[in-house]
Amino acid sequence: KHSLLMSGGSDCHQKPTVMGTLDIPDYVAEQFR
């Protein structure tokens, strides 16, 4: 969990809509889950 927090993984979980506005490939989004 700590590594995800440092990489901003927590922000992705809290604001999933933000990921939609960014050019993030599906395989990258899978890693943040």
N, C-alpha and C. Protein backbone atom coordinates (compact mmCIF):
# COMPACT_ATOMS: atom_id res chain seq x y z
N LYS A 1 0.83 -1.20 0.00
CA LYS A 1 0.00 0.00 0.00
C LYS A 1 0.87 1.25 0.00
N HIS A 2 1.98 1.18 0.70
CA HIS A 2 2.84 2.37 0.81
C HIS A 2 3.39 2.76 -0.56
N SER A 3 3.77 1.76 -1.36
CA SER A 3 4.33 2.06 -2.68
C SER A 3 3.27 2.72 -3.56
N LEU A 4 2.01 2.29 -3.41
CA LEU A 4 0.94 2.87 -4.21
C LEU A 4 0.68 4.31 -3.78
N LEU A 5 0.77 4.57 -2.47
CA LEU A 5 0.54 5.92 -1.97
C LEU A 5 1.60 6.87 -2.53
N MET A 6 2.84 6.39 -2.56
CA MET A 6 3.95 7.22 -3.05
C MET A 6 3.80 7.50 -4.54
N SER A 7 3.28 6.51 -5.28
CA SER A 7 3.14 6.67 -6.72
C SER A 7 1.83 7.36 -7.07
N GLY A 8 1.03 7.72 -6.05
CA GLY A 8 -0.22 8.40 -6.31
C GLY A 8 -1.35 7.43 -6.56
N GLY A 9 -1.18 6.18 -6.14
CA GLY A 9 -2.22 5.18 -6.34
C GLY A 9 -3.48 5.52 -5.56
N SER A 10 -3.30 6.11 -4.38
CA SER A 10 -4.45 6.45 -3.54
C SER A 10 -5.30 7.50 -4.24
N ASP A 11 -4.66 8.43 -4.94
CA ASP A 11 -5.40 9.47 -5.64
C ASP A 11 -6.26 8.86 -6.74
N CYS A 12 -5.72 7.82 -7.38
CA CYS A 12 -6.46 7.16 -8.46
C CYS A 12 -7.70 6.48 -7.90
N HIS A 13 -7.58 5.92 -6.71
CA HIS A 13 -8.73 5.24 -6.10
C HIS A 13 -9.76 6.26 -5.65
N GLN A 14 -9.30 7.39 -5.13
CA GLN A 14 -10.21 8.42 -4.63
C GLN A 14 -10.86 9.18 -5.78
N LYS A 15 -10.11 9.37 -6.87
CA LYS A 15 -10.64 10.12 -8.01
C LYS A 15 -10.46 9.33 -9.30
N PRO A 16 -11.28 8.30 -9.51
CA PRO A 16 -11.17 7.47 -10.70
C PRO A 16 -11.43 8.24 -11.98
N THR A 17 -12.22 9.32 -11.88
CA THR A 17 -12.55 10.11 -13.07
C THR A 17 -11.32 10.84 -13.58
N VAL A 18 -10.38 11.13 -12.68
CA VAL A 18 -9.17 11.84 -13.09
C VAL A 18 -8.36 10.98 -14.05
N MET A 19 -8.32 9.67 -13.78
CA MET A 19 -7.58 8.75 -14.65
C MET A 19 -8.17 8.74 -16.05
N GLY A 20 -9.47 8.95 -16.14
CA GLY A 20 -10.13 8.94 -17.44
C GLY A 20 -9.71 10.13 -18.28
N THR A 21 -9.35 11.24 -17.63
CA THR A 21 -8.98 12.44 -18.36
C THR A 21 -7.51 12.40 -18.78
N LEU A 22 -6.75 11.48 -18.18
CA LEU A 22 -5.33 11.36 -18.52
C LEU A 22 -5.11 10.25 -19.53
N ASP A 23 -4.00 10.33 -20.25
CA ASP A 23 -3.69 9.30 -21.24
C ASP A 23 -3.00 8.13 -20.56
N ILE A 24 -3.76 7.38 -19.77
CA ILE A 24 -3.20 6.24 -19.05
C ILE A 24 -3.70 4.94 -19.68
N PRO A 25 -2.78 4.14 -20.20
CA PRO A 25 -3.16 2.85 -20.80
C PRO A 25 -3.84 1.95 -19.80
N ASP A 26 -4.62 1.00 -20.28
CA ASP A 26 -5.35 0.09 -19.39
C ASP A 26 -4.39 -0.73 -18.54
N TYR A 27 -3.27 -1.14 -19.13
CA TYR A 27 -2.34 -2.00 -18.37
C TYR A 27 -1.70 -1.22 -17.22
N VAL A 28 -1.59 0.10 -17.36
CA VAL A 28 -1.05 0.92 -16.27
C VAL A 28 -2.10 1.04 -15.17
N ALA A 29 -3.35 1.21 -15.57
CA ALA A 29 -4.43 1.32 -14.58
C ALA A 29 -4.56 0.02 -13.80
N GLU A 30 -4.30 -1.11 -14.46
CA GLU A 30 -4.37 -2.41 -13.78
C GLU A 30 -3.37 -2.48 -12.64
N GLN A 31 -2.21 -1.88 -12.81
CA GLN A 31 -1.16 -1.94 -11.79
C GLN A 31 -1.55 -1.17 -10.54
N PHE A 32 -2.40 -0.16 -10.69
CA PHE A 32 -2.80 0.67 -9.54
C PHE A 32 -3.92 0.03 -8.74
N ARG A 33 -4.47 -1.06 -9.25
CA ARG A 33 -5.58 -1.70 -8.53
C ARG A 33 -5.05 -2.54 -7.39
